[in-house]
mmCIF file of all heavy atoms, coordinates in Angstrom:
data_MODEL
# 
_entry.id   MODEL 
# 
loop_
_atom_site.group_PDB 
_atom_site.id 
_atom_site.type_symbol 
_atom_site.label_atom_id 
_atom_site.label_alt_id 
_atom_site.label_comp_id 
_atom_site.label_asym_id 
_atom_site.label_entity_id 
_atom_site.label_seq_id 
_atom_site.pdbx_PDB_ins_code 
_atom_site.Cartn_x 
_atom_site.Cartn_y 
_atom_site.Cartn_z 
_atom_site.occupancy 
_atom_site.B_iso_or_equiv 
_atom_site.pdbx_formal_charge 
_atom_site.auth_seq_id 
_atom_site.auth_comp_id 
_atom_site.auth_asym_id 
_atom_site.auth_atom_id 
_atom_site.pdbx_PDB_model_num 
ATOM 1   N N   . GLN A 1 1  ? -28.651 24.144  -10.962 1.00 0.00 ? 1  GLN A N   1 
ATOM 2   C CA  . GLN A 1 1  ? -29.725 25.114  -11.091 1.00 0.00 ? 1  GLN A CA  1 
ATOM 3   C C   . GLN A 1 1  ? -30.967 24.454  -11.666 1.00 0.00 ? 1  GLN A C   1 
ATOM 4   O O   . GLN A 1 1  ? -30.880 23.435  -12.360 1.00 0.00 ? 1  GLN A O   1 
ATOM 5   C CB  . GLN A 1 1  ? -29.297 26.267  -12.007 1.00 0.00 ? 1  GLN A CB  1 
ATOM 6   C CG  . GLN A 1 1  ? -28.159 27.118  -11.477 1.00 0.00 ? 1  GLN A CG  1 
ATOM 7   C CD  . GLN A 1 1  ? -28.644 28.200  -10.550 1.00 0.00 ? 1  GLN A CD  1 
ATOM 8   O OE1 . GLN A 1 1  ? -29.308 27.935  -9.551  1.00 0.00 ? 1  GLN A OE1 1 
ATOM 9   N NE2 . GLN A 1 1  ? -28.324 29.437  -10.876 1.00 0.00 ? 1  GLN A NE2 1 
ATOM 10  N N   . ALA A 1 2  ? -32.120 25.017  -11.367 1.00 0.00 ? 2  ALA A N   1 
ATOM 11  C CA  . ALA A 1 2  ? -33.360 24.518  -11.946 1.00 0.00 ? 2  ALA A CA  1 
ATOM 12  C C   . ALA A 1 2  ? -33.245 24.474  -13.464 1.00 0.00 ? 2  ALA A C   1 
ATOM 13  O O   . ALA A 1 2  ? -32.717 25.396  -14.088 1.00 0.00 ? 2  ALA A O   1 
ATOM 14  C CB  . ALA A 1 2  ? -34.528 25.392  -11.531 1.00 0.00 ? 2  ALA A CB  1 
ATOM 15  N N   . GLY A 1 3  ? -33.734 23.385  -14.035 1.00 0.00 ? 3  GLY A N   1 
ATOM 16  C CA  . GLY A 1 3  ? -33.622 23.181  -15.464 1.00 0.00 ? 3  GLY A CA  1 
ATOM 17  C C   . GLY A 1 3  ? -32.397 22.403  -15.879 1.00 0.00 ? 3  GLY A C   1 
ATOM 18  O O   . GLY A 1 3  ? -32.298 21.985  -17.038 1.00 0.00 ? 3  GLY A O   1 
ATOM 19  N N   . GLY A 1 4  ? -31.493 22.183  -14.960 1.00 0.00 ? 4  GLY A N   1 
ATOM 20  C CA  . GLY A 1 4  ? -30.280 21.446  -15.254 1.00 0.00 ? 4  GLY A CA  1 
ATOM 21  C C   . GLY A 1 4  ? -30.484 19.950  -15.218 1.00 0.00 ? 4  GLY A C   1 
ATOM 22  O O   . GLY A 1 4  ? -31.592 19.449  -15.012 1.00 0.00 ? 4  GLY A O   1 
ATOM 23  N N   . SER A 1 5  ? -29.380 19.231  -15.393 1.00 0.00 ? 5  SER A N   1 
ATOM 24  C CA  . SER A 1 5  ? -29.420 17.774  -15.466 1.00 0.00 ? 5  SER A CA  1 
ATOM 25  C C   . SER A 1 5  ? -28.350 17.151  -14.592 1.00 0.00 ? 5  SER A C   1 
ATOM 26  O O   . SER A 1 5  ? -27.286 17.738  -14.352 1.00 0.00 ? 5  SER A O   1 
ATOM 27  C CB  . SER A 1 5  ? -29.210 17.302  -16.912 1.00 0.00 ? 5  SER A CB  1 
ATOM 28  O OG  . SER A 1 5  ? -30.240 17.760  -17.770 1.00 0.00 ? 5  SER A OG  1 
ATOM 29  N N   . LEU A 1 6  ? -28.641 15.952  -14.130 1.00 0.00 ? 6  LEU A N   1 
ATOM 30  C CA  . LEU A 1 6  ? -27.688 15.120  -13.427 1.00 0.00 ? 6  LEU A CA  1 
ATOM 31  C C   . LEU A 1 6  ? -27.902 13.680  -13.844 1.00 0.00 ? 6  LEU A C   1 
ATOM 32  O O   . LEU A 1 6  ? -29.017 13.295  -14.213 1.00 0.00 ? 6  LEU A O   1 
ATOM 33  C CB  . LEU A 1 6  ? -27.843 15.225  -11.908 1.00 0.00 ? 6  LEU A CB  1 
ATOM 34  C CG  . LEU A 1 6  ? -27.359 16.488  -11.208 1.00 0.00 ? 6  LEU A CG  1 
ATOM 35  C CD1 . LEU A 1 6  ? -27.787 16.452  -9.749  1.00 0.00 ? 6  LEU A CD1 1 
ATOM 36  C CD2 . LEU A 1 6  ? -25.848 16.618  -11.309 1.00 0.00 ? 6  LEU A CD2 1 
ATOM 37  N N   . ARG A 1 7  ? -26.847 12.896  -13.764 1.00 0.00 ? 7  ARG A N   1 
ATOM 38  C CA  . ARG A 1 7  ? -26.933 11.472  -14.053 1.00 0.00 ? 7  ARG A CA  1 
ATOM 39  C C   . ARG A 1 7  ? -26.386 10.703  -12.861 1.00 0.00 ? 7  ARG A C   1 
ATOM 40  O O   . ARG A 1 7  ? -25.205 10.811  -12.534 1.00 0.00 ? 7  ARG A O   1 
ATOM 41  C CB  . ARG A 1 7  ? -26.149 11.110  -15.309 1.00 0.00 ? 7  ARG A CB  1 
ATOM 42  C CG  . ARG A 1 7  ? -26.265 9.644   -15.741 1.00 0.00 ? 7  ARG A CG  1 
ATOM 43  C CD  . ARG A 1 7  ? -25.554 9.424   -17.059 1.00 0.00 ? 7  ARG A CD  1 
ATOM 44  N NE  . ARG A 1 7  ? -25.702 8.079   -17.589 1.00 0.00 ? 7  ARG A NE  1 
ATOM 45  C CZ  . ARG A 1 7  ? -24.733 7.168   -17.628 1.00 0.00 ? 7  ARG A CZ  1 
ATOM 46  N NH1 . ARG A 1 7  ? -23.523 7.469   -17.146 1.00 0.00 ? 7  ARG A NH1 1 
ATOM 47  N NH2 . ARG A 1 7  ? -24.954 5.967   -18.141 1.00 0.00 ? 7  ARG A NH2 1 
ATOM 48  N N   . LEU A 1 8  ? -27.249 9.953   -12.214 1.00 0.00 ? 8  LEU A N   1 
ATOM 49  C CA  . LEU A 1 8  ? -26.862 9.139   -11.075 1.00 0.00 ? 8  LEU A CA  1 
ATOM 50  C C   . LEU A 1 8  ? -26.501 7.735   -11.535 1.00 0.00 ? 8  LEU A C   1 
ATOM 51  O O   . LEU A 1 8  ? -27.115 7.190   -12.451 1.00 0.00 ? 8  LEU A O   1 
ATOM 52  C CB  . LEU A 1 8  ? -27.998 9.059   -10.053 1.00 0.00 ? 8  LEU A CB  1 
ATOM 53  C CG  . LEU A 1 8  ? -28.573 10.375  -9.530  1.00 0.00 ? 8  LEU A CG  1 
ATOM 54  C CD1 . LEU A 1 8  ? -29.632 10.084  -8.469  1.00 0.00 ? 8  LEU A CD1 1 
ATOM 55  C CD2 . LEU A 1 8  ? -27.477 11.264  -8.977  1.00 0.00 ? 8  LEU A CD2 1 
ATOM 56  N N   . SER A 1 9  ? -25.516 7.156   -10.871 1.00 0.00 ? 9  SER A N   1 
ATOM 57  C CA  . SER A 1 9  ? -25.096 5.795   -11.148 1.00 0.00 ? 9  SER A CA  1 
ATOM 58  C C   . SER A 1 9  ? -25.093 4.998   -9.858  1.00 0.00 ? 9  SER A C   1 
ATOM 59  O O   . SER A 1 9  ? -24.818 5.528   -8.781  1.00 0.00 ? 9  SER A O   1 
ATOM 60  C CB  . SER A 1 9  ? -23.693 5.753   -11.760 1.00 0.00 ? 9  SER A CB  1 
ATOM 61  O OG  . SER A 1 9  ? -23.642 6.442   -12.992 1.00 0.00 ? 9  SER A OG  1 
ATOM 62  N N   . CYS A 1 10 ? -25.381 3.726   -9.981  1.00 0.00 ? 10 CYS A N   1 
ATOM 63  C CA  . CYS A 1 10 ? -25.371 2.835   -8.829  1.00 0.00 ? 10 CYS A CA  1 
ATOM 64  C C   . CYS A 1 10 ? -24.901 1.468   -9.284  1.00 0.00 ? 10 CYS A C   1 
ATOM 65  O O   . CYS A 1 10 ? -25.494 0.881   -10.192 1.00 0.00 ? 10 CYS A O   1 
ATOM 66  C CB  . CYS A 1 10 ? -26.764 2.741   -8.213  1.00 0.00 ? 10 CYS A CB  1 
ATOM 67  S SG  . CYS A 1 10 ? -26.944 1.455   -6.953  1.00 0.00 ? 10 CYS A SG  1 
ATOM 68  N N   . GLN A 1 11 ? -23.865 0.967   -8.646  1.00 0.00 ? 11 GLN A N   1 
ATOM 69  C CA  . GLN A 1 11 ? -23.348 -0.348  -8.980  1.00 0.00 ? 11 GLN A CA  1 
ATOM 70  C C   . GLN A 1 11 ? -23.401 -1.264  -7.767  1.00 0.00 ? 11 GLN A C   1 
ATOM 71  O O   . GLN A 1 11 ? -22.928 -0.901  -6.688  1.00 0.00 ? 11 GLN A O   1 
ATOM 72  C CB  . GLN A 1 11 ? -21.918 -0.274  -9.503  1.00 0.00 ? 11 GLN A CB  1 
ATOM 73  C CG  . GLN A 1 11 ? -21.387 -1.632  -9.950  1.00 0.00 ? 11 GLN A CG  1 
ATOM 74  C CD  . GLN A 1 11 ? -20.044 -1.548  -10.638 1.00 0.00 ? 11 GLN A CD  1 
ATOM 75  O OE1 . GLN A 1 11 ? -19.214 -0.702  -10.291 1.00 0.00 ? 11 GLN A OE1 1 
ATOM 76  N NE2 . GLN A 1 11 ? -19.827 -2.398  -11.622 1.00 0.00 ? 11 GLN A NE2 1 
ATOM 77  N N   . ALA A 1 12 ? -23.957 -2.433  -7.965  1.00 0.00 ? 12 ALA A N   1 
ATOM 78  C CA  . ALA A 1 12 ? -23.965 -3.469  -6.950  1.00 0.00 ? 12 ALA A CA  1 
ATOM 79  C C   . ALA A 1 12 ? -22.843 -4.456  -7.237  1.00 0.00 ? 12 ALA A C   1 
ATOM 80  O O   . ALA A 1 12 ? -22.665 -4.885  -8.377  1.00 0.00 ? 12 ALA A O   1 
ATOM 81  C CB  . ALA A 1 12 ? -25.306 -4.193  -6.923  1.00 0.00 ? 12 ALA A CB  1 
ATOM 82  N N   . SER A 1 13 ? -22.093 -4.813  -6.219  1.00 0.00 ? 13 SER A N   1 
ATOM 83  C CA  . SER A 1 13 ? -20.982 -5.738  -6.395  1.00 0.00 ? 13 SER A CA  1 
ATOM 84  C C   . SER A 1 13 ? -20.883 -6.658  -5.188  1.00 0.00 ? 13 SER A C   1 
ATOM 85  O O   . SER A 1 13 ? -21.424 -6.375  -4.123  1.00 0.00 ? 13 SER A O   1 
ATOM 86  C CB  . SER A 1 13 ? -19.667 -4.991  -6.600  1.00 0.00 ? 13 SER A CB  1 
ATOM 87  O OG  . SER A 1 13 ? -19.354 -4.191  -5.470  1.00 0.00 ? 13 SER A OG  1 
ATOM 88  N N   . GLY A 1 14 ? -20.164 -7.751  -5.371  1.00 0.00 ? 14 GLY A N   1 
ATOM 89  C CA  . GLY A 1 14 ? -19.993 -8.722  -4.310  1.00 0.00 ? 14 GLY A CA  1 
ATOM 90  C C   . GLY A 1 14 ? -20.407 -10.103 -4.762  1.00 0.00 ? 14 GLY A C   1 
ATOM 91  O O   . GLY A 1 14 ? -20.298 -10.441 -5.939  1.00 0.00 ? 14 GLY A O   1 
ATOM 92  N N   . THR A 1 15 ? -20.871 -10.887 -3.812  1.00 0.00 ? 15 THR A N   1 
ATOM 93  C CA  . THR A 1 15 ? -21.233 -12.278 -4.099  1.00 0.00 ? 15 THR A CA  1 
ATOM 94  C C   . THR A 1 15 ? -22.642 -12.359 -4.681  1.00 0.00 ? 15 THR A C   1 
ATOM 95  O O   . THR A 1 15 ? -23.544 -12.977 -4.113  1.00 0.00 ? 15 THR A O   1 
ATOM 96  C CB  . THR A 1 15 ? -21.114 -13.121 -2.826  1.00 0.00 ? 15 THR A CB  1 
ATOM 97  O OG1 . THR A 1 15 ? -21.928 -12.545 -1.780  1.00 0.00 ? 15 THR A OG1 1 
ATOM 98  C CG2 . THR A 1 15 ? -19.674 -13.185 -2.354  1.00 0.00 ? 15 THR A CG2 1 
ATOM 99  N N   . ILE A 1 16 ? -22.792 -11.759 -5.838  1.00 0.00 ? 16 ILE A N   1 
ATOM 100 C CA  . ILE A 1 16 ? -24.090 -11.669 -6.499  1.00 0.00 ? 16 ILE A CA  1 
ATOM 101 C C   . ILE A 1 16 ? -24.197 -12.711 -7.593  1.00 0.00 ? 16 ILE A C   1 
ATOM 102 O O   . ILE A 1 16 ? -23.313 -12.815 -8.442  1.00 0.00 ? 16 ILE A O   1 
ATOM 103 C CB  . ILE A 1 16 ? -24.305 -10.268 -7.082  1.00 0.00 ? 16 ILE A CB  1 
ATOM 104 C CG1 . ILE A 1 16 ? -24.336 -9.227  -5.967  1.00 0.00 ? 16 ILE A CG1 1 
ATOM 105 C CG2 . ILE A 1 16 ? -25.599 -10.222 -7.894  1.00 0.00 ? 16 ILE A CG2 1 
ATOM 106 C CD1 . ILE A 1 16 ? -24.341 -7.802  -6.464  1.00 0.00 ? 16 ILE A CD1 1 
ATOM 107 N N   . PHE A 1 17 ? -25.290 -13.437 -7.574  1.00 0.00 ? 17 PHE A N   1 
ATOM 108 C CA  . PHE A 1 17 ? -25.583 -14.366 -8.653  1.00 0.00 ? 17 PHE A CA  1 
ATOM 109 C C   . PHE A 1 17 ? -26.383 -13.675 -9.749  1.00 0.00 ? 17 PHE A C   1 
ATOM 110 O O   . PHE A 1 17 ? -26.092 -13.832 -10.937 1.00 0.00 ? 17 PHE A O   1 
ATOM 111 C CB  . PHE A 1 17 ? -26.340 -15.589 -8.125  1.00 0.00 ? 17 PHE A CB  1 
ATOM 112 C CG  . PHE A 1 17 ? -26.608 -16.634 -9.171  1.00 0.00 ? 17 PHE A CG  1 
ATOM 113 C CD1 . PHE A 1 17 ? -25.626 -17.524 -9.544  1.00 0.00 ? 17 PHE A CD1 1 
ATOM 114 C CD2 . PHE A 1 17 ? -27.852 -16.726 -9.782  1.00 0.00 ? 17 PHE A CD2 1 
ATOM 115 C CE1 . PHE A 1 17 ? -25.854 -18.489 -10.511 1.00 0.00 ? 17 PHE A CE1 1 
ATOM 116 C CE2 . PHE A 1 17 ? -28.104 -17.685 -10.745 1.00 0.00 ? 17 PHE A CE2 1 
ATOM 117 C CZ  . PHE A 1 17 ? -27.098 -18.572 -11.112 1.00 0.00 ? 17 PHE A CZ  1 
ATOM 118 N N   . SER A 1 18 ? -27.379 -12.935 -9.345  1.00 0.00 ? 18 SER A N   1 
ATOM 119 C CA  . SER A 1 18 ? -28.178 -12.181 -10.292 1.00 0.00 ? 18 SER A CA  1 
ATOM 120 C C   . SER A 1 18 ? -28.896 -11.061 -9.552  1.00 0.00 ? 18 SER A C   1 
ATOM 121 O O   . SER A 1 18 ? -29.066 -11.108 -8.339  1.00 0.00 ? 18 SER A O   1 
ATOM 122 C CB  . SER A 1 18 ? -29.186 -13.081 -11.016 1.00 0.00 ? 18 SER A CB  1 
ATOM 123 O OG  . SER A 1 18 ? -30.128 -13.633 -10.109 1.00 0.00 ? 18 SER A OG  1 
ATOM 124 N N   . VAL A 1 19 ? -29.317 -10.068 -10.317 1.00 0.00 ? 19 VAL A N   1 
ATOM 125 C CA  . VAL A 1 19 ? -30.049 -8.946  -9.771  1.00 0.00 ? 19 VAL A CA  1 
ATOM 126 C C   . VAL A 1 19 ? -31.457 -8.952  -10.353 1.00 0.00 ? 19 VAL A C   1 
ATOM 127 O O   . VAL A 1 19 ? -31.624 -8.975  -11.573 1.00 0.00 ? 19 VAL A O   1 
ATOM 128 C CB  . VAL A 1 19 ? -29.357 -7.607  -10.079 1.00 0.00 ? 19 VAL A CB  1 
ATOM 129 C CG1 . VAL A 1 19 ? -30.175 -6.444  -9.530  1.00 0.00 ? 19 VAL A CG1 1 
ATOM 130 C CG2 . VAL A 1 19 ? -27.951 -7.596  -9.497  1.00 0.00 ? 19 VAL A CG2 1 
ATOM 131 N N   . ASN A 1 20 ? -32.435 -8.944  -9.485  1.00 0.00 ? 20 ASN A N   1 
ATOM 132 C CA  . ASN A 1 20 ? -33.818 -8.989  -9.937  1.00 0.00 ? 20 ASN A CA  1 
ATOM 133 C C   . ASN A 1 20 ? -34.348 -7.594  -10.280 1.00 0.00 ? 20 ASN A C   1 
ATOM 134 O O   . ASN A 1 20 ? -34.850 -7.367  -11.371 1.00 0.00 ? 20 ASN A O   1 
ATOM 135 C CB  . ASN A 1 20 ? -34.702 -9.633  -8.871  1.00 0.00 ? 20 ASN A CB  1 
ATOM 136 C CG  . ASN A 1 20 ? -34.301 -11.059 -8.581  1.00 0.00 ? 20 ASN A CG  1 
ATOM 137 O OD1 . ASN A 1 20 ? -34.056 -11.846 -9.487  1.00 0.00 ? 20 ASN A OD1 1 
ATOM 138 N ND2 . ASN A 1 20 ? -34.233 -11.404 -7.298  1.00 0.00 ? 20 ASN A ND2 1 
ATOM 139 N N   . VAL A 1 21 ? -34.236 -6.689  -9.330  1.00 0.00 ? 21 VAL A N   1 
ATOM 140 C CA  . VAL A 1 21 ? -34.781 -5.350  -9.479  1.00 0.00 ? 21 VAL A CA  1 
ATOM 141 C C   . VAL A 1 21 ? -33.763 -4.345  -8.973  1.00 0.00 ? 21 VAL A C   1 
ATOM 142 O O   . VAL A 1 21 ? -33.127 -4.555  -7.940  1.00 0.00 ? 21 VAL A O   1 
ATOM 143 C CB  . VAL A 1 21 ? -36.106 -5.173  -8.699  1.00 0.00 ? 21 VAL A CB  1 
ATOM 144 C CG1 . VAL A 1 21 ? -36.683 -3.777  -8.929  1.00 0.00 ? 21 VAL A CG1 1 
ATOM 145 C CG2 . VAL A 1 21 ? -37.112 -6.243  -9.078  1.00 0.00 ? 21 VAL A CG2 1 
ATOM 146 N N   . MET A 1 22 ? -33.620 -3.249  -9.679  1.00 0.00 ? 22 MET A N   1 
ATOM 147 C CA  . MET A 1 22 ? -32.858 -2.117  -9.184  1.00 0.00 ? 22 MET A CA  1 
ATOM 148 C C   . MET A 1 22 ? -33.730 -0.877  -9.303  1.00 0.00 ? 22 MET A C   1 
ATOM 149 O O   . MET A 1 22 ? -34.443 -0.710  -10.294 1.00 0.00 ? 22 MET A O   1 
ATOM 150 C CB  . MET A 1 22 ? -31.557 -1.923  -9.948  1.00 0.00 ? 22 MET A CB  1 
ATOM 151 C CG  . MET A 1 22 ? -30.600 -3.098  -9.813  1.00 0.00 ? 22 MET A CG  1 
ATOM 152 S SD  . MET A 1 22 ? -28.949 -2.780  -10.497 1.00 0.00 ? 22 MET A SD  1 
ATOM 153 C CE  . MET A 1 22 ? -28.234 -1.777  -9.176  1.00 0.00 ? 22 MET A CE  1 
ATOM 154 N N   . GLY A 1 23 ? -33.674 -0.047  -8.290  1.00 0.00 ? 23 GLY A N   1 
ATOM 155 C CA  . GLY A 1 23 ? -34.510 1.130   -8.295  1.00 0.00 ? 23 GLY A CA  1 
ATOM 156 C C   . GLY A 1 23 ? -33.902 2.289   -7.549  1.00 0.00 ? 23 GLY A C   1 
ATOM 157 O O   . GLY A 1 23 ? -32.904 2.149   -6.836  1.00 0.00 ? 23 GLY A O   1 
ATOM 158 N N   . TRP A 1 24 ? -34.515 3.433   -7.748  1.00 0.00 ? 24 TRP A N   1 
ATOM 159 C CA  . TRP A 1 24 ? -34.105 4.663   -7.088  1.00 0.00 ? 24 TRP A CA  1 
ATOM 160 C C   . TRP A 1 24 ? -35.238 5.177   -6.221  1.00 0.00 ? 24 TRP A C   1 
ATOM 161 O O   . TRP A 1 24 ? -36.386 5.266   -6.667  1.00 0.00 ? 24 TRP A O   1 
ATOM 162 C CB  . TRP A 1 24 ? -33.723 5.735   -8.106  1.00 0.00 ? 24 TRP A CB  1 
ATOM 163 C CG  . TRP A 1 24 ? -32.450 5.455   -8.826  1.00 0.00 ? 24 TRP A CG  1 
ATOM 164 C CD1 . TRP A 1 24 ? -32.290 4.868   -10.037 1.00 0.00 ? 24 TRP A CD1 1 
ATOM 165 C CD2 . TRP A 1 24 ? -31.133 5.763   -8.356  1.00 0.00 ? 24 TRP A CD2 1 
ATOM 166 N NE1 . TRP A 1 24 ? -30.965 4.785   -10.366 1.00 0.00 ? 24 TRP A NE1 1 
ATOM 167 C CE2 . TRP A 1 24 ? -30.225 5.328   -9.347  1.00 0.00 ? 24 TRP A CE2 1 
ATOM 168 C CE3 . TRP A 1 24 ? -30.635 6.363   -7.203  1.00 0.00 ? 24 TRP A CE3 1 
ATOM 169 C CZ2 . TRP A 1 24 ? -28.847 5.474   -9.218  1.00 0.00 ? 24 TRP A CZ2 1 
ATOM 170 C CZ3 . TRP A 1 24 ? -29.257 6.503   -7.073  1.00 0.00 ? 24 TRP A CZ3 1 
ATOM 171 C CH2 . TRP A 1 24 ? -28.390 6.062   -8.072  1.00 0.00 ? 24 TRP A CH2 1 
ATOM 172 N N   . TYR A 1 25 ? -34.899 5.514   -4.994  1.00 0.00 ? 25 TYR A N   1 
ATOM 173 C CA  . TYR A 1 25 ? -35.814 6.150   -4.062  1.00 0.00 ? 25 TYR A CA  1 
ATOM 174 C C   . TYR A 1 25 ? -35.245 7.507   -3.677  1.00 0.00 ? 25 TYR A C   1 
ATOM 175 O O   . TYR A 1 25 ? -34.059 7.766   -3.848  1.00 0.00 ? 25 TYR A O   1 
ATOM 176 C CB  . TYR A 1 25 ? -35.981 5.301   -2.802  1.00 0.00 ? 25 TYR A CB  1 
ATOM 177 C CG  . TYR A 1 25 ? -36.690 3.980   -3.014  1.00 0.00 ? 25 TYR A CG  1 
ATOM 178 C CD1 . TYR A 1 25 ? -36.056 2.929   -3.664  1.00 0.00 ? 25 TYR A CD1 1 
ATOM 179 C CD2 . TYR A 1 25 ? -37.983 3.784   -2.539  1.00 0.00 ? 25 TYR A CD2 1 
ATOM 180 C CE1 . TYR A 1 25 ? -36.699 1.716   -3.850  1.00 0.00 ? 25 TYR A CE1 1 
ATOM 181 C CE2 . TYR A 1 25 ? -38.627 2.574   -2.716  1.00 0.00 ? 25 TYR A CE2 1 
ATOM 182 C CZ  . TYR A 1 25 ? -37.983 1.547   -3.367  1.00 0.00 ? 25 TYR A CZ  1 
ATOM 183 O OH  . TYR A 1 25 ? -38.622 0.344   -3.539  1.00 0.00 ? 25 TYR A OH  1 
ATOM 184 N N   . ARG A 1 26 ? -36.086 8.360   -3.140  1.00 0.00 ? 26 ARG A N   1 
ATOM 185 C CA  . ARG A 1 26 ? -35.594 9.627   -2.632  1.00 0.00 ? 26 ARG A CA  1 
ATOM 186 C C   . ARG A 1 26 ? -36.345 10.015  -1.370  1.00 0.00 ? 26 ARG A C   1 
ATOM 187 O O   . ARG A 1 26 ? -37.482 9.624   -1.154  1.00 0.00 ? 26 ARG A O   1 
ATOM 188 C CB  . ARG A 1 26 ? -35.703 10.735  -3.680  1.00 0.00 ? 26 ARG A CB  1 
ATOM 189 C CG  . ARG A 1 26 ? -37.124 11.144  -4.043  1.00 0.00 ? 26 ARG A CG  1 
ATOM 190 C CD  . ARG A 1 26 ? -37.105 12.157  -5.176  1.00 0.00 ? 26 ARG A CD  1 
ATOM 191 N NE  . ARG A 1 26 ? -38.446 12.573  -5.557  1.00 0.00 ? 26 ARG A NE  1 
ATOM 192 C CZ  . ARG A 1 26 ? -38.721 13.344  -6.601  1.00 0.00 ? 26 ARG A CZ  1 
ATOM 193 N NH1 . ARG A 1 26 ? -37.731 13.791  -7.382  1.00 0.00 ? 26 ARG A NH1 1 
ATOM 194 N NH2 . ARG A 1 26 ? -39.983 13.671  -6.868  1.00 0.00 ? 26 ARG A NH2 1 
ATOM 195 N N   . GLN A 1 27 ? -35.675 10.796  -0.552  1.00 0.00 ? 27 GLN A N   1 
ATOM 196 C CA  . GLN A 1 27 ? -36.266 11.265  0.689   1.00 0.00 ? 27 GLN A CA  1 
ATOM 197 C C   . GLN A 1 27 ? -35.814 12.687  0.963   1.00 0.00 ? 27 GLN A C   1 
ATOM 198 O O   . GLN A 1 27 ? -34.621 12.956  1.088   1.00 0.00 ? 27 GLN A O   1 
ATOM 199 C CB  . GLN A 1 27 ? -35.885 10.355  1.857   1.00 0.00 ? 27 GLN A CB  1 
ATOM 200 C CG  . GLN A 1 27 ? -36.604 10.678  3.148   1.00 0.00 ? 27 GLN A CG  1 
ATOM 201 C CD  . GLN A 1 27 ? -36.457 9.588   4.189   1.00 0.00 ? 27 GLN A CD  1 
ATOM 202 O OE1 . GLN A 1 27 ? -35.500 8.810   4.141   1.00 0.00 ? 27 GLN A OE1 1 
ATOM 203 N NE2 . GLN A 1 27 ? -37.391 9.516   5.115   1.00 0.00 ? 27 GLN A NE2 1 
# 
């Protein structure tokens, strides 16, 4: 409902050496 809250999570995994930037987009 309007006024409520949510918490989104995103995990990157695999053959990763390092992560430069992480971001959220919406459409």
